[in-house]
Amino acid sequence: MASAQLRDTRRRIRSVEAIKKITRAMELIATSRIPKAQARVNASKPYTAKLIEVIENVGAAGAGASHRLLEQREIRTVGLIIVSADRGLAGSYASNIIRLAENRIRQLDREGKDVTLYAVGKKAQAYFRYRGYRIESAYLGVTDTPGYGDARAIANSVLAAFVTGHIDSVEVFFTRYQSAMNQIPTRIDLLPITPPEKEDAERAHQVSYEFEPSPEEILDRLLPRYIEATIFNVLLEASASEHSARRRAMKAATDNAEDLIRVLSVQANRARQAEITTAISEIVGGAEALAEGKR
């Protein structure tokens, strides 16, 4: 019969092997999702770039000088869109972006400005709600595979608050995807929109367009679409970053499980060898005792 130590070691080995299967499966799932997420990021960029180009042309025609989404006003309340994750097991992915956002909140608090939060993902919602921050809206079930409808819902919420004067500016906190091994927590200014400026060489070759309907009406339609496209691109980059972070975390967990299994296997072998040695010693001792009794 195996000793209690050997039984406990074997039980731990079975438990670690079961965990290893789970982490390995999660690593493979995350690995399969990274190329799709990266492709969606790359596919969304031309649309945003073309929007910026059109906005530049319309702005050059003299439109938008007093558009409400371009209005620079005294900042009393800042809206923060914080894109985290709905699920864990992604290493420090969510905590890095939450830490960046919280540092910004403290800075705004020292400046005497109010903060309104728009939390994307359960991690941000749970963290800031537990600490008593006011969350205007929370968007859950978005971060894994975001859709354009999710971006539109977030954009409509912040646009309505900005236009009505409930917030005076909007900042976005997300994790920018650079590669499968490199993701950077990032802050960008979303509202008011800062009109892109062309270089002198670009202005010299600028083409004059005639617009139908008026440039002001075109800009009024384009700027909300620009906000939606920017938020959608942010969600896609955050999704790709989350899958990459989860793949790395699960690979590290799988490697650690393999190392632990090797250590526990050595312990189990030593315990088994000790049992065998003890059994052999007992047999030899018993045989010698019997032999001496017959003499």
C-alpha atoms as a PDB file:
ATOM      1  CA  MET A   1       0.000   0.000   0.000  1.00  0.00           C
ATOM      2  CA  ALA A   2       1.328   3.436  -0.899  1.00  0.00           C
ATOM      3  CA  SER A   3       2.213   5.786   1.911  1.00  0.00           C
ATOM      4  CA  ALA A   4       0.206   8.919   2.673  1.00  0.00           C
ATOM      5  CA  GLN A   5       2.978  11.103   1.242  1.00  0.00           C
ATOM      6  CA  LEU A   6       3.030   9.183  -2.042  1.00  0.00           C
ATOM      7  CA  ARG A   7      -0.765   9.275  -2.358  1.00  0.00           C
ATOM      8  CA  ASP A   8      -0.777  13.023  -1.714  1.00  0.00           C
ATOM      9  CA  THR A   9       1.967  13.605  -4.306  1.00  0.00           C
ATOM     10  CA  ARG A  10       0.146  11.570  -6.941  1.00  0.00           C
ATOM     11  CA  ARG A  11      -3.070  13.458  -6.189  1.00  0.00           C
ATOM     12  CA  ARG A  12      -1.265  16.773  -6.709  1.00  0.00           C
ATOM     13  CA  ILE A  13       0.182  15.505 -10.003  1.00  0.00           C
ATOM     14  CA  ARG A  14      -3.306  14.614 -11.287  1.00  0.00           C
ATOM     15  CA  SER A  15      -4.616  18.007 -10.195  1.00  0.00           C
ATOM     16  CA  VAL A  16      -1.796  19.914 -11.921  1.00  0.00           C
ATOM     17  CA  GLU A  17      -2.228  17.822 -15.078  1.00  0.00           C
ATOM     18  CA  ALA A  18      -5.929  18.757 -15.169  1.00  0.00           C
ATOM     19  CA  ILE A  19      -5.062  22.452 -14.783  1.00  0.00           C
ATOM     20  CA  LYS A  20      -2.436  22.124 -17.491  1.00  0.00           C
ATOM     21  CA  LYS A  21      -5.035  20.802 -19.934  1.00  0.00           C
ATOM     22  CA  ILE A  22      -7.247  23.830 -19.250  1.00  0.00           C
ATOM     23  CA  THR A  23      -4.467  26.405 -19.591  1.00  0.00           C
ATOM     24  CA  ARG A  24      -3.182  24.692 -22.740  1.00  0.00           C
ATOM     25  CA  ALA A  25      -6.663  24.788 -24.282  1.00  0.00           C
ATOM     26  CA  MET A  26      -7.062  28.476 -23.384  1.00  0.00           C
ATOM     27  CA  GLU A  27      -3.641  29.218 -24.872  1.00  0.00           C
ATOM     28  CA  LEU A  28      -4.621  27.552 -28.156  1.00  0.00           C
ATOM     29  CA  ILE A  29      -7.957  29.387 -28.268  1.00  0.00           C
ATOM     30  CA  ALA A  30      -6.285  32.761 -27.669  1.00  0.00           C
ATOM     31  CA  THR A  31      -3.627  31.931 -30.274  1.00  0.00           C
ATOM     32  CA  SER A  32      -6.301  31.173 -32.872  1.00  0.00           C
ATOM     33  CA  ARG A  33      -8.104  34.455 -32.157  1.00  0.00           C
ATOM     34  CA  ILE A  34      -5.074  36.754 -32.417  1.00  0.00           C
ATOM     35  CA  PRO A  35      -4.777  36.686 -36.253  1.00  0.00           C
ATOM     36  CA  LYS A  36      -8.504  37.390 -36.654  1.00  0.00           C
ATOM     37  CA  ALA A  37      -8.381  40.273 -34.171  1.00  0.00           C
ATOM     38  CA  GLN A  38      -5.255  41.685 -35.812  1.00  0.00           C
ATOM     39  CA  ALA A  39      -6.866  41.457 -39.253  1.00  0.00           C
ATOM     40  CA  ARG A  40      -9.914  43.377 -37.979  1.00  0.00           C
ATOM     41  CA  VAL A  41      -7.632  46.095 -36.599  1.00  0.00           C
ATOM     42  CA  ASN A  42      -5.861  46.479 -39.933  1.00  0.00           C
ATOM     43  CA  ALA A  43      -9.145  46.409 -41.859  1.00  0.00           C
ATOM     44  CA  SER A  44     -10.649  49.224 -39.775  1.00  0.00           C
ATOM     45  CA  LYS A  45      -7.813  51.699 -40.291  1.00  0.00           C
ATOM     46  CA  PRO A  46      -8.435  52.675 -43.949  1.00  0.00           C
ATOM     47  CA  TYR A  47     -11.995  53.725 -43.132  1.00  0.00           C
ATOM     48  CA  THR A  48     -10.812  56.001 -40.318  1.00  0.00           C
ATOM     49  CA  ALA A  49      -8.018  57.385 -42.507  1.00  0.00           C
ATOM     50  CA  LYS A  50     -10.477  58.215 -45.292  1.00  0.00           C
ATOM     51  CA  LEU A  51     -12.794  59.922 -42.782  1.00  0.00           C
ATOM     52  CA  ILE A  52      -9.901  62.074 -41.603  1.00  0.00           C
ATOM     53  CA  GLU A  53      -9.049  62.958 -45.208  1.00  0.00           C
ATOM     54  CA  VAL A  54     -12.621  64.027 -45.950  1.00  0.00           C
ATOM     55  CA  ILE A  55     -12.814  66.025 -42.718  1.00  0.00           C
ATOM     56  CA  GLU A  56      -9.599  67.800 -43.700  1.00  0.00           C
ATOM     57  CA  ASN A  57     -11.044  68.711 -47.102  1.00  0.00           C
ATOM     58  CA  VAL A  58     -14.342  69.884 -45.650  1.00  0.00           C
ATOM     59  CA  GLY A  59     -12.536  71.894 -42.974  1.00  0.00           C
ATOM     60  CA  ALA A  60     -10.363  73.510 -45.622  1.00  0.00           C
ATOM     61  CA  ALA A  61     -13.562  74.693 -47.294  1.00  0.00           C
ATOM     62  CA  GLY A  62     -14.318  76.764 -44.220  1.00  0.00           C
ATOM     63  CA  ALA A  63     -16.799  74.440 -42.507  1.00  0.00           C
ATOM     64  CA  GLY A  64     -16.808  73.451 -38.890  1.00  0.00           C
ATOM     65  CA  ALA A  65     -15.241  76.532 -37.377  1.00  0.00           C
ATOM     66  CA  SER A  66     -17.989  76.617 -34.772  1.00  0.00           C
ATOM     67  CA  HIS A  67     -19.185  73.012 -34.828  1.00  0.00           C
ATOM     68  CA  ARG A  68     -20.295  71.780 -31.408  1.00  0.00           C
ATOM     69  CA  LEU A  69     -17.976  68.749 -31.517  1.00  0.00           C
ATOM     70  CA  LEU A  70     -14.996  71.040 -32.193  1.00  0.00           C
ATOM     71  CA  GLU A  71     -15.884  73.485 -29.447  1.00  0.00           C
ATOM     72  CA  GLN A  72     -13.064  74.182 -27.013  1.00  0.00           C
ATOM     73  CA  ARG A  73     -14.565  75.222 -23.677  1.00  0.00           C
ATOM     74  CA  GLU A  74     -13.574  75.439 -20.051  1.00  0.00           C
ATOM     75  CA  ILE A  75     -13.161  71.925 -18.724  1.00  0.00           C
ATOM     76  CA  ARG A  76     -15.080  71.226 -15.537  1.00  0.00           C
ATOM     77  CA  THR A  77     -16.079  67.591 -16.065  1.00  0.00           C
ATOM     78  CA  VAL A  78     -14.044  64.987 -17.921  1.00  0.00           C
ATOM     79  CA  GLY A  79     -15.493  61.772 -19.300  1.00  0.00           C
ATOM     80  CA  LEU A  80     -13.158  58.788 -19.259  1.00  0.00           C
ATOM     81  CA  ILE A  81     -13.802  55.726 -21.427  1.00  0.00           C
ATOM     82  CA  ILE A  82     -11.833  52.856 -19.872  1.00  0.00           C
ATOM     83  CA  VAL A  83     -11.522  49.741 -22.034  1.00  0.00           C
ATOM     84  CA  SER A  84     -10.511  46.753 -19.901  1.00  0.00           C
ATOM     85  CA  ALA A  85     -11.603  43.089 -20.132  1.00  0.00           C
ATOM     86  CA  ASP A  86     -14.671  41.007 -19.358  1.00  0.00           C
ATOM     87  CA  ARG A  87     -12.641  37.949 -18.352  1.00  0.00           C
ATOM     88  CA  GLY A  88      -9.503  37.372 -16.344  1.00  0.00           C
ATOM     89  CA  LEU A  89      -6.577  34.994 -16.851  1.00  0.00           C
ATOM     90  CA  ALA A  90      -4.810  37.557 -19.018  1.00  0.00           C
ATOM     91  CA  GLY A  91      -1.936  38.476 -16.734  1.00  0.00           C
ATOM     92  CA  SER A  92      -1.643  42.184 -15.939  1.00  0.00           C
ATOM     93  CA  TYR A  93      -3.582  43.291 -19.026  1.00  0.00           C
ATOM     94  CA  ALA A  94      -6.585  44.766 -17.190  1.00  0.00           C
ATOM     95  CA  SER A  95      -4.660  46.044 -14.174  1.00  0.00           C
ATOM     96  CA  ASN A  96      -2.218  48.028 -16.349  1.00  0.00           C
ATOM     97  CA  ILE A  97      -4.942  50.036 -18.086  1.00  0.00           C
ATOM     98  CA  ILE A  98      -6.915  50.472 -14.843  1.00  0.00           C
ATOM     99  CA  ARG A  99      -3.792  51.793 -13.115  1.00  0.00           C
ATOM    100  CA  LEU A 100      -3.178  54.283 -15.933  1.00  0.00           C
ATOM    101  CA  ALA A 101      -6.785  55.501 -15.749  1.00  0.00           C
ATOM    102  CA  GLU A 102      -6.768  55.761 -11.963  1.00  0.00           C
ATOM    103  CA  ASN A 103      -3.597  57.874 -12.025  1.00  0.00           C
ATOM    104  CA  ARG A 104      -5.339  60.216 -14.462  1.00  0.00           C
ATOM    105  CA  ILE A 105      -8.404  60.388 -12.203  1.00  0.00           C
ATOM    106  CA  ARG A 106      -6.238  61.402  -9.268  1.00  0.00           C
ATOM    107  CA  GLN A 107      -4.541  64.064 -11.387  1.00  0.00           C
ATOM    108  CA  LEU A 108      -7.911  65.498 -12.453  1.00  0.00           C
ATOM    109  CA  ASP A 109      -9.097  65.419  -8.853  1.00  0.00           C
ATOM    110  CA  ARG A 110      -6.080  67.470  -7.785  1.00  0.00           C
ATOM    111  CA  GLU A 111      -6.963  69.966 -10.530  1.00  0.00           C
ATOM    112  CA  GLY A 112     -10.481  70.270  -9.118  1.00  0.00           C
ATOM    113  CA  LYS A 113     -12.237  68.635 -12.060  1.00  0.00           C
ATOM    114  CA  ASP A 114     -15.103  66.172 -11.881  1.00  0.00           C
ATOM    115  CA  VAL A 115     -14.835  62.783 -13.554  1.00  0.00           C
ATOM    116  CA  THR A 116     -17.493  60.667 -15.240  1.00  0.00           C
ATOM    117  CA  LEU A 117     -16.564  57.079 -16.071  1.00  0.00           C
ATOM    118  CA  TYR A 118     -17.666  54.903 -18.974  1.00  0.00           C
ATOM    119  CA  ALA A 119     -16.447  51.391 -18.148  1.00  0.00           C
ATOM    120  CA  VAL A 120     -15.994  48.863 -20.946  1.00  0.00           C
ATOM    121  CA  GLY A 121     -15.518  45.384 -19.499  1.00  0.00           C
ATOM    122  CA  LYS A 122     -16.332  43.788 -16.153  1.00  0.00           C
ATOM    123  CA  LYS A 123     -12.852  44.344 -14.745  1.00  0.00           C
ATOM    124  CA  ALA A 124     -13.053  48.148 -14.965  1.00  0.00           C
ATOM    125  CA  GLN A 125     -16.657  48.184 -13.791  1.00  0.00           C
ATOM    126  CA  ALA A 126     -15.942  46.033 -10.716  1.00  0.00           C
ATOM    127  CA  TYR A 127     -12.762  47.898  -9.799  1.00  0.00           C
ATOM    128  CA  PHE A 128     -14.114  51.436  -9.943  1.00  0.00           C
ATOM    129  CA  ARG A 129     -17.527  50.585  -8.528  1.00  0.00           C
ATOM    130  CA  TYR A 130     -15.906  48.905  -5.505  1.00  0.00           C
ATOM    131  CA  ARG A 131     -13.857  52.066  -4.880  1.00  0.00           C
ATOM    132  CA  GLY A 132     -16.873  54.336  -5.037  1.00  0.00           C
ATOM    133  CA  TYR A 133     -16.287  56.081  -8.372  1.00  0.00           C
ATOM    134  CA  ARG A 134     -19.342  57.246 -10.276  1.00  0.00           C
ATOM    135  CA  ILE A 135     -19.868  55.106 -13.376  1.00  0.00           C
ATOM    136  CA  GLU A 136     -22.191  56.718 -15.897  1.00  0.00           C
ATOM    137  CA  SER A 137     -22.440  53.641 -18.139  1.00  0.00           C
ATOM    138  CA  ALA A 138     -20.963  50.153 -18.227  1.00  0.00           C
ATOM    139  CA  TYR A 139     -20.650  48.039 -21.368  1.00  0.00           C
ATOM    140  CA  LEU A 140     -20.238  44.312 -20.734  1.00  0.00           C
ATOM    141  CA  GLY A 141     -19.712  41.409 -23.112  1.00  0.00           C
ATOM    142  CA  VAL A 142     -17.960  43.694 -25.590  1.00  0.00           C
ATOM    143  CA  THR A 143     -14.224  43.152 -25.287  1.00  0.00           C
ATOM    144  CA  ASP A 144     -13.904  39.611 -26.649  1.00  0.00           C
ATOM    145  CA  THR A 145     -15.331  40.258 -30.132  1.00  0.00           C
ATOM    146  CA  PRO A 146     -16.456  43.895 -30.396  1.00  0.00           C
ATOM    147  CA  GLY A 147     -18.880  44.940 -33.106  1.00  0.00           C
ATOM    148  CA  TYR A 148     -19.542  48.293 -34.701  1.00  0.00           C
ATOM    149  CA  GLY A 149     -22.862  48.445 -32.865  1.00  0.00           C
ATOM    150  CA  ASP A 150     -20.979  48.410 -29.562  1.00  0.00           C
ATOM    151  CA  ALA A 151     -18.854  51.340 -30.701  1.00  0.00           C
ATOM    152  CA  ARG A 152     -21.956  53.229 -31.835  1.00  0.00           C
ATOM    153  CA  ALA A 153     -23.636  52.710 -28.441  1.00  0.00           C
ATOM    154  CA  ILE A 154     -20.607  54.091 -26.594  1.00  0.00           C
ATOM    155  CA  ALA A 155     -20.251  56.976 -29.055  1.00  0.00           C
ATOM    156  CA  ASN A 156     -23.915  57.948 -28.769  1.00  0.00           C
ATOM    157  CA  SER A 157     -23.654  58.045 -24.983  1.00  0.00           C
ATOM    158  CA  VAL A 158     -20.576  60.277 -24.826  1.00  0.00           C
ATOM    159  CA  LEU A 159     -21.731  62.475 -27.712  1.00  0.00           C
ATOM    160  CA  ALA A 160     -25.054  63.156 -25.995  1.00  0.00           C
ATOM    161  CA  ALA A 161     -23.283  64.021 -22.748  1.00  0.00           C
ATOM    162  CA  PHE A 162     -20.799  66.291 -24.544  1.00  0.00           C
ATOM    163  CA  VAL A 163     -23.384  68.132 -26.636  1.00  0.00           C
ATOM    164  CA  THR A 164     -25.650  68.764 -23.629  1.00  0.00           C
ATOM    165  CA  GLY A 165     -22.714  70.039 -21.567  1.00  0.00           C
ATOM    166  CA  HIS A 166     -22.687  67.281 -18.940  1.00  0.00           C
ATOM    167  CA  ILE A 167     -19.040  66.632 -19.823  1.00  0.00           C
ATOM    168  CA  ASP A 168     -16.575  69.042 -21.393  1.00  0.00           C
ATOM    169  CA  SER A 169     -14.017  66.604 -22.767  1.00  0.00           C
ATOM    170  CA  VAL A 170     -13.610  62.860 -23.321  1.00  0.00           C
ATOM    171  CA  GLU A 171     -10.486  60.751 -22.960  1.00  0.00           C
ATOM    172  CA  VAL A 172     -10.080  57.091 -23.879  1.00  0.00           C
ATOM    173  CA  PHE A 173      -7.877  54.572 -22.077  1.00  0.00           C
ATOM    174  CA  PHE A 174      -7.099  51.350 -23.909  1.00  0.00           C
ATOM    175  CA  THR A 175      -4.253  48.986 -24.749  1.00  0.00           C
ATOM    176  CA  ARG A 176      -2.729  49.655 -28.161  1.00  0.00           C
ATOM    177  CA  TYR A 177      -1.768  46.537 -30.103  1.00  0.00           C
ATOM    178  CA  GLN A 178       1.710  46.684 -31.643  1.00  0.00           C
ATOM    179  CA  SER A 179       2.577  43.003 -31.961  1.00  0.00           C
ATOM    180  CA  ALA A 180       1.776  39.653 -30.410  1.00  0.00           C
ATOM    181  CA  MET A 181       4.461  40.332 -27.798  1.00  0.00           C
ATOM    182  CA  ASN A 182       4.057  44.070 -27.298  1.00  0.00           C
ATOM    183  CA  GLN A 183       0.928  45.937 -26.170  1.00  0.00           C
ATOM    184  CA  ILE A 184       1.023  49.440 -24.711  1.00  0.00           C
ATOM    185  CA  PRO A 185      -1.513  51.047 -22.311  1.00  0.00           C
ATOM    186  CA  THR A 186      -2.508  54.277 -24.049  1.00  0.00           C
ATOM    187  CA  ARG A 187      -4.527  57.448 -23.451  1.00  0.00           C
ATOM    188  CA  ILE A 188      -5.994  59.509 -26.294  1.00  0.00           C
ATOM    189  CA  ASP A 189      -8.184  62.628 -26.399  1.00  0.00           C
ATOM    190  CA  LEU A 190     -11.491  61.962 -28.138  1.00  0.00           C
ATOM    191  CA  LEU A 191     -13.608  65.085 -27.570  1.00  0.00           C
ATOM    192  CA  PRO A 192     -13.551  67.869 -28.437  1.00  0.00           C
ATOM    193  CA  ILE A 193     -12.233  66.817 -31.823  1.00  0.00           C
ATOM    194  CA  THR A 194      -8.953  68.424 -32.738  1.00  0.00           C
ATOM    195  CA  PRO A 195      -9.014  69.258 -36.461  1.00  0.00           C
ATOM    196  CA  PRO A 196      -6.082  67.611 -38.272  1.00  0.00           C
ATOM    197  CA  GLU A 197      -3.551  70.068 -39.594  1.00  0.00           C
ATOM    198  CA  LYS A 198      -1.781  69.667 -42.903  1.00  0.00           C
ATOM    199  CA  GLU A 199       1.840  70.438 -43.565  1.00  0.00           C
ATOM    200  CA  ASP A 200       2.758  73.385 -45.787  1.00  0.00           C
ATOM    201  CA  ALA A 201       3.682  71.042 -48.646  1.00  0.00           C
ATOM    202  CA  GLU A 202       0.304  69.342 -48.419  1.00  0.00           C
ATOM    203  CA  ARG A 203      -1.512  72.678 -48.415  1.00  0.00           C
ATOM    204  CA  ALA A 204       0.333  73.690 -51.588  1.00  0.00           C
ATOM    205  CA  HIS A 205      -1.004  70.616 -53.429  1.00  0.00           C
ATOM    206  CA  GLN A 206      -4.455  70.747 -51.889  1.00  0.00           C
ATOM    207  CA  VAL A 207      -7.348  70.221 -54.286  1.00  0.00           C
ATOM    208  CA  SER A 208     -10.381  72.505 -54.077  1.00  0.00           C
ATOM    209  CA  TYR A 209     -13.707  70.644 -53.955  1.00  0.00           C
ATOM    210  CA  GLU A 210     -17.289  71.683 -54.426  1.00  0.00           C
ATOM    211  CA  PHE A 211     -19.617  70.115 -51.873  1.00  0.00           C
ATOM    212  CA  GLU A 212     -23.248  69.102 -52.147  1.00  0.00           C
ATOM    213  CA  PRO A 213     -24.904  69.546 -49.686  1.00  0.00           C
ATOM    214  CA  SER A 214     -23.092  72.312 -47.848  1.00  0.00           C
ATOM    215  CA  PRO A 215     -19.730  71.627 -46.125  1.00  0.00           C
ATOM    216  CA  GLU A 216     -21.339  72.378 -42.743  1.00  0.00           C
ATOM    217  CA  GLU A 217     -24.009  69.721 -43.244  1.00  0.00           C
ATOM    218  CA  ILE A 218     -21.449  67.177 -44.447  1.00  0.00           C
ATOM    219  CA  LEU A 219     -19.261  67.835 -41.431  1.00  0.00           C
ATOM    220  CA  ASP A 220     -22.273  67.515 -39.136  1.00  0.00           C
ATOM    221  CA  ARG A 221     -22.776  64.014 -40.478  1.00  0.00           C
ATOM    222  CA  LEU A 222     -19.120  63.014 -40.633  1.00  0.00           C
ATOM    223  CA  LEU A 223     -17.892  63.975 -37.171  1.00  0.00           C
ATOM    224  CA  PRO A 224     -20.182  61.567 -35.269  1.00  0.00           C
ATOM    225  CA  ARG A 225     -19.140  58.803 -37.692  1.00  0.00           C
ATOM    226  CA  TYR A 226     -15.515  59.717 -37.001  1.00  0.00           C
ATOM    227  CA  ILE A 227     -16.087  59.313 -33.251  1.00  0.00           C
ATOM    228  CA  GLU A 228     -17.778  55.947 -33.828  1.00  0.00           C
ATOM    229  CA  ALA A 229     -14.931  54.748 -36.071  1.00  0.00           C
ATOM    230  CA  THR A 230     -12.295  55.874 -33.557  1.00  0.00           C
ATOM    231  CA  ILE A 231     -14.017  54.050 -30.698  1.00  0.00           C
ATOM    232  CA  PHE A 232     -14.450  50.947 -32.873  1.00  0.00           C
ATOM    233  CA  ASN A 233     -10.742  50.965 -33.720  1.00  0.00           C
ATOM    234  CA  VAL A 234      -9.957  51.339 -29.995  1.00  0.00           C
ATOM    235  CA  LEU A 235     -12.151  48.333 -29.156  1.00  0.00           C
ATOM    236  CA  LEU A 236     -10.503  46.227 -31.850  1.00  0.00           C
ATOM    237  CA  GLU A 237      -7.000  47.095 -30.687  1.00  0.00           C
ATOM    238  CA  ALA A 238      -7.953  46.334 -27.086  1.00  0.00           C
ATOM    239  CA  SER A 239      -9.446  42.998 -28.134  1.00  0.00           C
ATOM    240  CA  ALA A 240      -6.294  41.981 -30.014  1.00  0.00           C
ATOM    241  CA  SER A 241      -4.188  43.061 -27.037  1.00  0.00           C
ATOM    242  CA  GLU A 242      -6.348  41.060 -24.623  1.00  0.00           C
ATOM    243  CA  HIS A 243      -6.040  37.856 -26.677  1.00  0.00           C
ATOM    244  CA  SER A 244      -2.273  38.319 -26.923  1.00  0.00           C
ATOM    245  CA  ALA A 245      -1.952  38.930 -23.182  1.00  0.00           C
ATOM    246  CA  ARG A 246      -4.102  35.878 -22.424  1.00  0.00           C
ATOM    247  CA  ARG A 247      -2.028  33.692 -24.728  1.00  0.00           C
ATOM    248  CA  ARG A 248       1.176  34.717 -22.968  1.00  0.00           C
ATOM    249  CA  ALA A 249      -0.355  34.228 -19.523  1.00  0.00           C
ATOM    250  CA  MET A 250      -1.735  30.800 -20.375  1.00  0.00           C
ATOM    251  CA  LYS A 251       1.536  29.713 -21.978  1.00  0.00           C
ATOM    252  CA  ALA A 252       3.390  30.737 -18.818  1.00  0.00           C
ATOM    253  CA  ALA A 253       0.834  28.855 -16.712  1.00  0.00           C
ATOM    254  CA  THR A 254       1.208  25.754 -18.906  1.00  0.00           C
ATOM    255  CA  ASP A 255       5.005  25.905 -18.672  1.00  0.00           C
ATOM    256  CA  ASN A 256       4.813  26.309 -14.889  1.00  0.00           C
ATOM    257  CA  ALA A 257       2.463  23.324 -14.674  1.00  0.00           C
ATOM    258  CA  GLU A 258       4.918  21.203 -16.667  1.00  0.00           C
ATOM    259  CA  ASP A 259       7.771  22.232 -14.365  1.00  0.00           C
ATOM    260  CA  LEU A 260       5.680  21.456 -11.288  1.00  0.00           C
ATOM    261  CA  ILE A 261       4.690  18.057 -12.686  1.00  0.00           C
ATOM    262  CA  ARG A 262       8.381  17.205 -13.198  1.00  0.00           C
ATOM    263  CA  VAL A 263       9.216  18.222  -9.623  1.00  0.00           C
ATOM    264  CA  LEU A 264       6.290  16.275  -8.183  1.00  0.00           C
ATOM    265  CA  SER A 265       7.146  13.235 -10.316  1.00  0.00           C
ATOM    266  CA  VAL A 266      10.668  13.234  -8.868  1.00  0.00           C
ATOM    267  CA  GLN A 267       9.208  13.474  -5.365  1.00  0.00           C
ATOM    268  CA  ALA A 268       6.814  10.617  -6.096  1.00  0.00           C
ATOM    269  CA  ASN A 269       9.630   8.454  -7.490  1.00  0.00           C
ATOM    270  CA  ARG A 270      11.765   9.115  -4.428  1.00  0.00           C
ATOM    271  CA  ALA A 271       8.887   8.304  -2.108  1.00  0.00           C
ATOM    272  CA  ARG A 272       8.219   5.100  -4.052  1.00  0.00           C
ATOM    273  CA  GLN A 273      11.909   4.141  -3.952  1.00  0.00           C
ATOM    274  CA  ALA A 274      11.960   4.766  -0.233  1.00  0.00           C
ATOM    275  CA  GLU A 275       8.947   2.473   0.188  1.00  0.00           C
ATOM    276  CA  ILE A 276      10.598  -0.246  -1.892  1.00  0.00           C
ATOM    277  CA  THR A 277      13.843   0.095   0.052  1.00  0.00           C
ATOM    278  CA  THR A 278      11.939  -0.144   3.333  1.00  0.00           C
ATOM    279  CA  ALA A 279       9.998  -3.185   2.122  1.00  0.00           C
ATOM    280  CA  ILE A 280      13.193  -4.927   0.973  1.00  0.00           C
ATOM    281  CA  SER A 281      14.881  -4.149   4.297  1.00  0.00           C
ATOM    282  CA  GLU A 282      11.908  -5.584   6.158  1.00  0.00           C
ATOM    283  CA  ILE A 283      11.952  -8.739   4.011  1.00  0.00           C
ATOM    284  CA  VAL A 284      15.693  -9.224   4.474  1.00  0.00           C
ATOM    285  CA  GLY A 285      15.396  -8.587   8.201  1.00  0.00           C
ATOM    286  CA  GLY A 286      12.545 -11.064   8.482  1.00  0.00           C
ATOM    287  CA  ALA A 287      14.463 -13.717   6.503  1.00  0.00           C
ATOM    288  CA  GLU A 288      17.512 -13.300   8.720  1.00  0.00           C
ATOM    289  CA  ALA A 289      15.352 -13.577  11.824  1.00  0.00           C
ATOM    290  CA  LEU A 290      13.793 -16.805  10.532  1.00  0.00           C
ATOM    291  CA  ALA A 291      17.217 -18.197   9.661  1.00  0.00           C
ATOM    292  CA  GLU A 292      18.566 -17.422  13.120  1.00  0.00           C
ATOM    293  CA  GLY A 293      15.470 -19.026  14.707  1.00  0.00           C
ATOM    294  CA  LYS A 294      16.110 -22.292  12.889  1.00  0.00           C
ATOM    295  CA  ARG A 295      19.681 -22.506  14.152  1.00  0.00           C
END
